[in-house]
Amino acid sequence: MSALPAGEPGSEVLVPHWLDGPRRTQLATAVRNALSSRPVHPVAVIHLEDVLTELHVAAARDAVWPASAARVRLATGWDDDVLPVRLSAAELSSVLALPDLPAPVRDLLGGTA
């Protein structure tokens, strides 16, 4: 293990947002629609593409290491299709800036649900 130099930023924090299958589909659809139907700032494009990647990674992570999410689902009573989608602050901001993001997804990601 090495120490980070003083004053250097650390690695970016990824926050899990627990989304069921329909909400993950709505999120992916909104991101794909935004990327294909209107001009998006180049930096936001990178973040939104990373969100699409994370949606795939979340499913793969659960297939390879199912016990971690299963423990959370058991403790919370959530359905089996609820998975953690880990987003950085920049990715989350880019998603929340989408005007066509469905309200249920916006509420979950915005912390108001």
Protein backbone atom coordinates (compact mmCIF):
# COMPACT_ATOMS: atom_id res chain seq x y z
CA MET A 1 0.00 0.00 0.00
CA SER A 2 1.29 3.43 -0.83
CA ALA A 3 0.29 6.73 0.65
CA LEU A 4 -1.18 9.45 -1.51
CA PRO A 5 0.85 12.62 -1.69
CA ALA A 6 -0.48 15.43 0.47
CA GLY A 7 -2.92 17.66 -1.38
CA GLU A 8 -3.57 15.15 -4.17
CA PRO A 9 -7.16 14.15 -4.81
CA GLY A 10 -8.03 10.57 -3.96
CA SER A 11 -9.95 8.15 -6.09
CA GLU A 12 -13.48 9.05 -7.01
CA VAL A 13 -16.23 7.72 -4.76
CA LEU A 14 -18.85 5.51 -6.38
CA VAL A 15 -22.17 5.52 -4.54
CA PRO A 16 -24.50 2.54 -4.95
CA HIS A 17 -28.05 3.34 -6.02
CA TRP A 18 -30.27 0.30 -5.54
CA LEU A 19 -32.49 -0.04 -8.60
CA ASP A 20 -34.85 -2.80 -9.64
CA GLY A 21 -34.95 -4.17 -13.17
CA PRO A 22 -37.64 -1.83 -14.53
CA ARG A 23 -35.85 1.26 -13.14
CA ARG A 24 -32.52 0.12 -14.61
CA THR A 25 -34.27 -0.31 -17.97
CA GLN A 26 -35.82 3.16 -17.71
CA LEU A 27 -32.43 4.64 -16.83
CA ALA A 28 -30.70 2.91 -19.76
CA THR A 29 -33.45 3.97 -22.15
CA ALA A 30 -33.28 7.60 -21.05
CA VAL A 31 -29.49 7.66 -21.40
CA ARG A 32 -29.55 5.99 -24.83
CA ASN A 33 -32.27 8.38 -26.02
CA ALA A 34 -30.28 11.38 -24.86
CA LEU A 35 -27.12 10.16 -26.56
CA SER A 36 -28.87 9.45 -29.84
CA SER A 37 -31.45 12.21 -30.15
CA ARG A 38 -29.88 15.49 -29.12
CA PRO A 39 -26.52 17.22 -28.79
CA VAL A 40 -24.85 16.41 -25.49
CA HIS A 41 -21.74 18.06 -24.08
CA PRO A 42 -18.71 15.84 -24.83
CA VAL A 43 -17.86 15.42 -21.15
CA ALA A 44 -21.45 14.47 -20.34
CA VAL A 45 -21.32 11.92 -23.17
CA ILE A 46 -18.41 10.21 -21.41
CA HIS A 47 -20.27 10.15 -18.11
CA LEU A 48 -23.47 8.87 -19.68
CA GLU A 49 -21.61 6.14 -21.54
CA ASP A 50 -20.02 5.18 -18.21
CA VAL A 51 -23.53 4.89 -16.73
CA LEU A 52 -24.51 2.45 -19.48
CA THR A 53 -21.34 0.47 -18.78
CA GLU A 54 -22.12 0.38 -15.05
CA LEU A 55 -25.60 -0.94 -15.72
CA HIS A 56 -24.01 -3.92 -17.48
CA VAL A 57 -21.34 -4.27 -14.82
CA ALA A 58 -23.96 -4.29 -12.04
CA ALA A 59 -25.66 -7.30 -13.60
CA ALA A 60 -22.35 -9.06 -14.21
CA ARG A 61 -21.18 -8.32 -10.67
CA ASP A 62 -24.34 -9.90 -9.28
CA ALA A 63 -23.88 -12.97 -11.48
CA VAL A 64 -20.27 -13.47 -10.38
CA TRP A 65 -20.58 -12.38 -6.72
CA PRO A 66 -24.26 -12.76 -5.80
CA ALA A 67 -23.84 -13.00 -2.02
CA SER A 68 -23.08 -9.33 -1.37
CA ALA A 69 -26.24 -7.88 -2.94
CA ALA A 70 -28.27 -10.86 -1.72
CA ARG A 71 -27.41 -9.97 1.89
CA VAL A 72 -28.62 -6.41 1.38
CA ARG A 73 -31.81 -7.57 -0.35
CA LEU A 74 -32.48 -10.03 2.48
CA ALA A 75 -31.93 -7.38 5.14
CA THR A 76 -34.12 -4.80 3.40
CA GLY A 77 -36.80 -7.10 2.01
CA TRP A 78 -36.13 -5.93 -1.54
CA ASP A 79 -36.96 -8.14 -4.52
CA ASP A 80 -34.34 -10.34 -6.18
CA ASP A 81 -33.94 -8.00 -9.16
CA VAL A 82 -32.71 -5.03 -7.10
CA LEU A 83 -29.03 -4.35 -7.81
CA PRO A 84 -26.56 -1.67 -6.78
CA VAL A 85 -25.72 0.65 -9.67
CA ARG A 86 -22.56 2.48 -8.59
CA LEU A 87 -22.33 6.04 -9.89
CA SER A 88 -19.81 8.81 -9.40
CA ALA A 89 -20.99 12.33 -8.59
CA ALA A 90 -20.28 13.39 -12.19
CA GLU A 91 -22.20 10.45 -13.63
CA LEU A 92 -25.13 11.11 -11.31
CA SER A 93 -25.14 14.79 -12.21
CA SER A 94 -25.15 13.97 -15.92
CA VAL A 95 -28.08 11.59 -15.48
CA LEU A 96 -30.09 14.01 -13.36
CA ALA A 97 -29.56 16.69 -16.04
CA LEU A 98 -31.48 14.57 -18.58
CA PRO A 99 -34.83 16.27 -19.15
CA ASP A 100 -36.55 13.01 -20.14
CA LEU A 101 -35.43 10.97 -17.12
CA PRO A 102 -38.55 9.25 -15.74
CA ALA A 103 -39.73 10.68 -12.42
CA PRO A 104 -39.44 7.38 -10.47
CA VAL A 105 -35.79 7.03 -11.51
CA ARG A 106 -35.09 10.71 -10.82
CA ASP A 107 -36.60 10.32 -7.35
CA LEU A 108 -34.49 7.25 -6.56
CA LEU A 109 -31.26 8.80 -7.83
CA GLY A 110 -31.99 12.21 -6.34
CA GLY A 111 -32.46 10.72 -2.90
CA THR A 112 -36.09 11.80 -2.58
CA ALA A 113 -37.62 8.35 -2.76
